[in-house]
Amino acid sequence: MAYGGTFNFVSPGGQTEIFYDPPEERGSLGALSGPSLMNPDETLSLEDFEGQVVVINVWGQWCAPCRTEMPELQRMYDNTKELGVQLVGINVRDNAISKPQDFVTDYGLTFPSIYDPPMRTLLSMRGIPTSVVPMTFVLDREHRVAAVFLRDLLTEDVQPVVERLAAE
């Protein structure tokens, strides 16, 4: 649900896939930033990806569905980054940074992630459920929320959405 250009999350009827169209119905997540998982002295920010379609995935190395979807999301990213698409992870509930870092290395993930064990990033995103992992947001080039997935994804679930947004 969008109010005055900001995004307030509502899952109507418990849906696990929510789409916001036309673009005028989309709201912004607002400021989103946090320490880089692989380079903790650096800050990753949504502003770093100005003008790009951004896919934000909330994950944890302890999460079995996350382990299944990560190769799928990496494949989607590899297939669409030339279209101006950026995938950004938000790692949550992993108190020892070495565990998610090892996960990224073991899975050969090439997209950046924010390291956020206490989920402060999610809490700043106005009403986003912190109990749902994995969770994926797809933002258009103006960084308005176009789709929300409250489940694990396959490449074929998210790539058509991303390609459509990249063509807008």
C-alpha atoms as a PDB file:
ATOM      1  CA  MET A   1       0.000   0.000   0.000  1.00  0.00           C
ATOM      2  CA  ALA A   2       1.436   3.377  -0.938  1.00  0.00           C
ATOM      3  CA  TYR A   3       0.658   6.599   0.896  1.00  0.00           C
ATOM      4  CA  GLY A   4       2.068   9.894  -0.265  1.00  0.00           C
ATOM      5  CA  GLY A   5       4.986   8.260  -2.020  1.00  0.00           C
ATOM      6  CA  THR A   6       6.126   6.125   0.910  1.00  0.00           C
ATOM      7  CA  PHE A   7       5.744   2.370   1.119  1.00  0.00           C
ATOM      8  CA  ASN A   8       3.794   0.793   3.969  1.00  0.00           C
ATOM      9  CA  PHE A   9       3.704  -2.970   3.759  1.00  0.00           C
ATOM     10  CA  VAL A  10       0.395  -4.838   3.871  1.00  0.00           C
ATOM     11  CA  SER A  11      -0.044  -8.494   2.878  1.00  0.00           C
ATOM     12  CA  PRO A  12      -3.684  -8.701   1.803  1.00  0.00           C
ATOM     13  CA  GLY A  13      -5.219 -12.013   2.808  1.00  0.00           C
ATOM     14  CA  GLY A  14      -1.843 -13.512   3.658  1.00  0.00           C
ATOM     15  CA  GLN A  15      -0.626 -13.458   0.042  1.00  0.00           C
ATOM     16  CA  THR A  16       2.977 -14.483  -0.592  1.00  0.00           C
ATOM     17  CA  GLU A  17       3.287 -12.588  -3.905  1.00  0.00           C
ATOM     18  CA  ILE A  18       2.182  -8.971  -4.091  1.00  0.00           C
ATOM     19  CA  PHE A  19       2.495  -6.743  -7.159  1.00  0.00           C
ATOM     20  CA  TYR A  20       2.103  -2.970  -7.276  1.00  0.00           C
ATOM     21  CA  ASP A  21       0.884  -1.745 -10.653  1.00  0.00           C
ATOM     22  CA  PRO A  22       0.501   0.708 -12.263  1.00  0.00           C
ATOM     23  CA  PRO A  23       3.730   2.477 -11.270  1.00  0.00           C
ATOM     24  CA  GLU A  24       1.763   5.357  -9.728  1.00  0.00           C
ATOM     25  CA  GLU A  25       0.627   2.920  -6.994  1.00  0.00           C
ATOM     26  CA  ARG A  26       4.193   2.149  -5.950  1.00  0.00           C
ATOM     27  CA  GLY A  27       5.781   3.646  -2.849  1.00  0.00           C
ATOM     28  CA  SER A  28       9.395   4.089  -1.828  1.00  0.00           C
ATOM     29  CA  LEU A  29      11.143   2.111   0.903  1.00  0.00           C
ATOM     30  CA  GLY A  30      13.051   5.222   1.884  1.00  0.00           C
ATOM     31  CA  ALA A  31      16.662   5.225   3.031  1.00  0.00           C
ATOM     32  CA  LEU A  32      18.217   1.787   3.109  1.00  0.00           C
ATOM     33  CA  SER A  33      21.824   1.263   4.109  1.00  0.00           C
ATOM     34  CA  GLY A  34      24.099  -0.815   6.288  1.00  0.00           C
ATOM     35  CA  PRO A  35      27.559  -2.332   6.587  1.00  0.00           C
ATOM     36  CA  SER A  36      28.773  -4.525   3.750  1.00  0.00           C
ATOM     37  CA  LEU A  37      28.894  -8.197   4.714  1.00  0.00           C
ATOM     38  CA  MET A  38      32.149  -8.869   2.886  1.00  0.00           C
ATOM     39  CA  ASN A  39      33.727  -5.449   3.610  1.00  0.00           C
ATOM     40  CA  PRO A  40      32.312  -4.367   7.010  1.00  0.00           C
ATOM     41  CA  ASP A  41      34.174  -1.037   6.951  1.00  0.00           C
ATOM     42  CA  GLU A  42      32.145  -0.041   3.873  1.00  0.00           C
ATOM     43  CA  THR A  43      28.497   1.001   3.839  1.00  0.00           C
ATOM     44  CA  LEU A  44      26.092  -0.254   1.192  1.00  0.00           C
ATOM     45  CA  SER A  45      23.216   2.052   0.359  1.00  0.00           C
ATOM     46  CA  LEU A  46      20.252   1.875  -1.974  1.00  0.00           C
ATOM     47  CA  GLU A  47      21.475   5.243  -3.278  1.00  0.00           C
ATOM     48  CA  ASP A  48      24.564   3.429  -4.644  1.00  0.00           C
ATOM     49  CA  PHE A  49      22.319   1.906  -7.322  1.00  0.00           C
ATOM     50  CA  GLU A  50      20.597   5.018  -8.636  1.00  0.00           C
ATOM     51  CA  GLY A  51      18.610   4.413 -11.822  1.00  0.00           C
ATOM     52  CA  GLN A  52      18.826   0.626 -11.542  1.00  0.00           C
ATOM     53  CA  VAL A  53      16.155  -1.977 -10.907  1.00  0.00           C
ATOM     54  CA  VAL A  54      17.064  -3.350  -7.476  1.00  0.00           C
ATOM     55  CA  VAL A  55      16.148  -6.756  -6.100  1.00  0.00           C
ATOM     56  CA  ILE A  56      16.495  -6.878  -2.305  1.00  0.00           C
ATOM     57  CA  ASN A  57      16.642 -10.337  -0.738  1.00  0.00           C
ATOM     58  CA  VAL A  58      16.502 -10.927   3.018  1.00  0.00           C
ATOM     59  CA  TRP A  59      18.409 -14.084   3.902  1.00  0.00           C
ATOM     60  CA  GLY A  60      20.344 -16.006   6.531  1.00  0.00           C
ATOM     61  CA  GLN A  61      22.865 -18.820   6.159  1.00  0.00           C
ATOM     62  CA  TRP A  62      20.859 -20.765   8.778  1.00  0.00           C
ATOM     63  CA  CYS A  63      17.708 -20.609   6.588  1.00  0.00           C
ATOM     64  CA  ALA A  64      17.106 -23.797   4.549  1.00  0.00           C
ATOM     65  CA  PRO A  65      14.903 -22.082   1.895  1.00  0.00           C
ATOM     66  CA  CYS A  66      17.619 -19.412   1.530  1.00  0.00           C
ATOM     67  CA  ARG A  67      20.144 -22.123   0.713  1.00  0.00           C
ATOM     68  CA  THR A  68      17.819 -23.348  -2.033  1.00  0.00           C
ATOM     69  CA  GLU A  69      17.048 -19.948  -3.532  1.00  0.00           C
ATOM     70  CA  MET A  70      20.533 -18.377  -3.526  1.00  0.00           C
ATOM     71  CA  PRO A  71      21.751 -20.196  -6.661  1.00  0.00           C
ATOM     72  CA  GLU A  72      18.441 -19.224  -8.324  1.00  0.00           C
ATOM     73  CA  LEU A  73      18.847 -15.559  -7.392  1.00  0.00           C
ATOM     74  CA  GLN A  74      22.479 -15.582  -8.527  1.00  0.00           C
ATOM     75  CA  ARG A  75      21.320 -17.015 -11.879  1.00  0.00           C
ATOM     76  CA  MET A  76      18.667 -14.287 -12.204  1.00  0.00           C
ATOM     77  CA  TYR A  77      21.295 -11.655 -11.390  1.00  0.00           C
ATOM     78  CA  ASP A  78      23.750 -13.072 -13.936  1.00  0.00           C
ATOM     79  CA  ASN A  79      20.981 -13.088 -16.564  1.00  0.00           C
ATOM     80  CA  THR A  80      19.792  -9.518 -15.926  1.00  0.00           C
ATOM     81  CA  LYS A  81      22.654  -7.353 -14.637  1.00  0.00           C
ATOM     82  CA  GLU A  82      23.409  -6.189 -18.202  1.00  0.00           C
ATOM     83  CA  LEU A  83      19.858  -4.759 -18.229  1.00  0.00           C
ATOM     84  CA  GLY A  84      20.665  -2.450 -15.310  1.00  0.00           C
ATOM     85  CA  VAL A  85      19.574  -4.787 -12.518  1.00  0.00           C
ATOM     86  CA  GLN A  86      21.288  -4.998  -9.124  1.00  0.00           C
ATOM     87  CA  LEU A  87      20.696  -7.710  -6.540  1.00  0.00           C
ATOM     88  CA  VAL A  88      21.373  -6.745  -2.909  1.00  0.00           C
ATOM     89  CA  GLY A  89      21.112  -9.121   0.022  1.00  0.00           C
ATOM     90  CA  ILE A  90      20.319  -8.283   3.624  1.00  0.00           C
ATOM     91  CA  ASN A  91      21.795 -10.933   5.892  1.00  0.00           C
ATOM     92  CA  VAL A  92      19.856 -11.256   9.167  1.00  0.00           C
ATOM     93  CA  ARG A  93      20.146 -13.145  12.450  1.00  0.00           C
ATOM     94  CA  ASP A  94      23.726 -14.314  11.825  1.00  0.00           C
ATOM     95  CA  ASN A  95      25.623 -13.047  14.877  1.00  0.00           C
ATOM     96  CA  ALA A  96      29.013 -14.442  13.797  1.00  0.00           C
ATOM     97  CA  ILE A  97      29.949 -12.599  10.580  1.00  0.00           C
ATOM     98  CA  SER A  98      32.220 -15.439   9.436  1.00  0.00           C
ATOM     99  CA  LYS A  99      29.253 -17.785   8.868  1.00  0.00           C
ATOM    100  CA  PRO A 100      27.449 -15.682   6.242  1.00  0.00           C
ATOM    101  CA  GLN A 101      30.808 -14.695   4.719  1.00  0.00           C
ATOM    102  CA  ASP A 102      31.641 -18.395   4.293  1.00  0.00           C
ATOM    103  CA  PHE A 103      28.160 -18.946   2.832  1.00  0.00           C
ATOM    104  CA  VAL A 104      28.747 -16.222   0.203  1.00  0.00           C
ATOM    105  CA  THR A 105      32.119 -17.734  -0.698  1.00  0.00           C
ATOM    106  CA  ASP A 106      30.857 -21.334  -0.767  1.00  0.00           C
ATOM    107  CA  TYR A 107      27.900 -20.425  -2.990  1.00  0.00           C
ATOM    108  CA  GLY A 108      29.982 -18.179  -5.278  1.00  0.00           C
ATOM    109  CA  LEU A 109      27.649 -15.221  -4.795  1.00  0.00           C
ATOM    110  CA  THR A 110      28.769 -12.091  -6.640  1.00  0.00           C
ATOM    111  CA  PHE A 111      26.183  -9.586  -5.419  1.00  0.00           C
ATOM    112  CA  PRO A 112      26.683  -7.458  -2.289  1.00  0.00           C
ATOM    113  CA  SER A 113      24.871  -7.976   1.001  1.00  0.00           C
ATOM    114  CA  ILE A 114      24.236  -5.757   3.995  1.00  0.00           C
ATOM    115  CA  TYR A 115      25.213  -7.413   7.281  1.00  0.00           C
ATOM    116  CA  ASP A 116      22.330  -6.832   9.698  1.00  0.00           C
ATOM    117  CA  PRO A 117      22.099  -9.441  12.490  1.00  0.00           C
ATOM    118  CA  PRO A 118      19.726  -7.353  14.678  1.00  0.00           C
ATOM    119  CA  MET A 119      17.517  -6.535  11.646  1.00  0.00           C
ATOM    120  CA  ARG A 120      17.747  -2.759  12.119  1.00  0.00           C
ATOM    121  CA  THR A 121      17.596  -2.295   8.352  1.00  0.00           C
ATOM    122  CA  LEU A 122      14.270  -4.140   8.175  1.00  0.00           C
ATOM    123  CA  LEU A 123      12.878  -2.276  11.166  1.00  0.00           C
ATOM    124  CA  SER A 124      13.614   1.027   9.408  1.00  0.00           C
ATOM    125  CA  MET A 125      11.539  -0.088   6.413  1.00  0.00           C
ATOM    126  CA  ARG A 126       8.120   0.737   7.948  1.00  0.00           C
ATOM    127  CA  GLY A 127       6.106  -2.360   8.714  1.00  0.00           C
ATOM    128  CA  ILE A 128       8.190  -4.968   6.928  1.00  0.00           C
ATOM    129  CA  PRO A 129       7.672  -8.307   8.697  1.00  0.00           C
ATOM    130  CA  THR A 130      10.868  -9.344  10.457  1.00  0.00           C
ATOM    131  CA  SER A 131       9.663 -12.911  10.915  1.00  0.00           C
ATOM    132  CA  VAL A 132       9.672 -13.798   7.199  1.00  0.00           C
ATOM    133  CA  VAL A 133      12.946 -15.142   5.807  1.00  0.00           C
ATOM    134  CA  PRO A 134      13.554 -15.374   2.908  1.00  0.00           C
ATOM    135  CA  MET A 135      11.763 -12.321   1.618  1.00  0.00           C
ATOM    136  CA  THR A 136      12.377 -10.425  -1.630  1.00  0.00           C
ATOM    137  CA  PHE A 137      11.461  -6.908  -2.768  1.00  0.00           C
ATOM    138  CA  VAL A 138      11.739  -5.829  -6.385  1.00  0.00           C
ATOM    139  CA  LEU A 139      12.189  -2.089  -6.882  1.00  0.00           C
ATOM    140  CA  ASP A 140      11.760  -0.213 -10.144  1.00  0.00           C
ATOM    141  CA  ARG A 141      14.376   2.223 -11.465  1.00  0.00           C
ATOM    142  CA  GLU A 142      12.968   4.956  -9.202  1.00  0.00           C
ATOM    143  CA  HIS A 143      13.361   2.542  -6.259  1.00  0.00           C
ATOM    144  CA  ARG A 144       9.623   2.195  -5.735  1.00  0.00           C
ATOM    145  CA  VAL A 145       8.360  -1.209  -4.590  1.00  0.00           C
ATOM    146  CA  ALA A 146       6.932  -3.063  -7.599  1.00  0.00           C
ATOM    147  CA  ALA A 147       6.740  -6.581  -6.123  1.00  0.00           C
ATOM    148  CA  VAL A 148       7.135  -8.403  -2.818  1.00  0.00           C
ATOM    149  CA  PHE A 149       7.728 -12.140  -2.465  1.00  0.00           C
ATOM    150  CA  LEU A 150       7.277 -13.649   1.000  1.00  0.00           C
ATOM    151  CA  ARG A 151       8.718 -17.031   0.057  1.00  0.00           C
ATOM    152  CA  ASP A 152      11.744 -18.618  -1.560  1.00  0.00           C
ATOM    153  CA  LEU A 153      12.110 -18.017  -5.291  1.00  0.00           C
ATOM    154  CA  LEU A 154      13.181 -19.740  -8.450  1.00  0.00           C
ATOM    155  CA  THR A 155      14.798 -17.852 -11.319  1.00  0.00           C
ATOM    156  CA  GLU A 156      11.590 -18.166 -13.349  1.00  0.00           C
ATOM    157  CA  ASP A 157       9.557 -16.563 -10.539  1.00  0.00           C
ATOM    158  CA  VAL A 158      11.483 -13.311 -10.363  1.00  0.00           C
ATOM    159  CA  GLN A 159      13.336 -12.877 -13.675  1.00  0.00           C
ATOM    160  CA  PRO A 160      10.225 -11.990 -15.755  1.00  0.00           C
ATOM    161  CA  VAL A 161       9.257  -9.345 -13.183  1.00  0.00           C
ATOM    162  CA  VAL A 162      12.769  -7.876 -13.225  1.00  0.00           C
ATOM    163  CA  GLU A 163      12.963  -7.886 -17.033  1.00  0.00           C
ATOM    164  CA  ARG A 164       9.600  -6.101 -17.284  1.00  0.00           C
ATOM    165  CA  LEU A 165      10.757  -3.428 -14.837  1.00  0.00           C
ATOM    166  CA  ALA A 166      14.088  -3.018 -16.634  1.00  0.00           C
ATOM    167  CA  ALA A 167      12.128  -2.289 -19.831  1.00  0.00           C
ATOM    168  CA  GLU A 168       9.964   0.432 -18.196  1.00  0.00           C
END
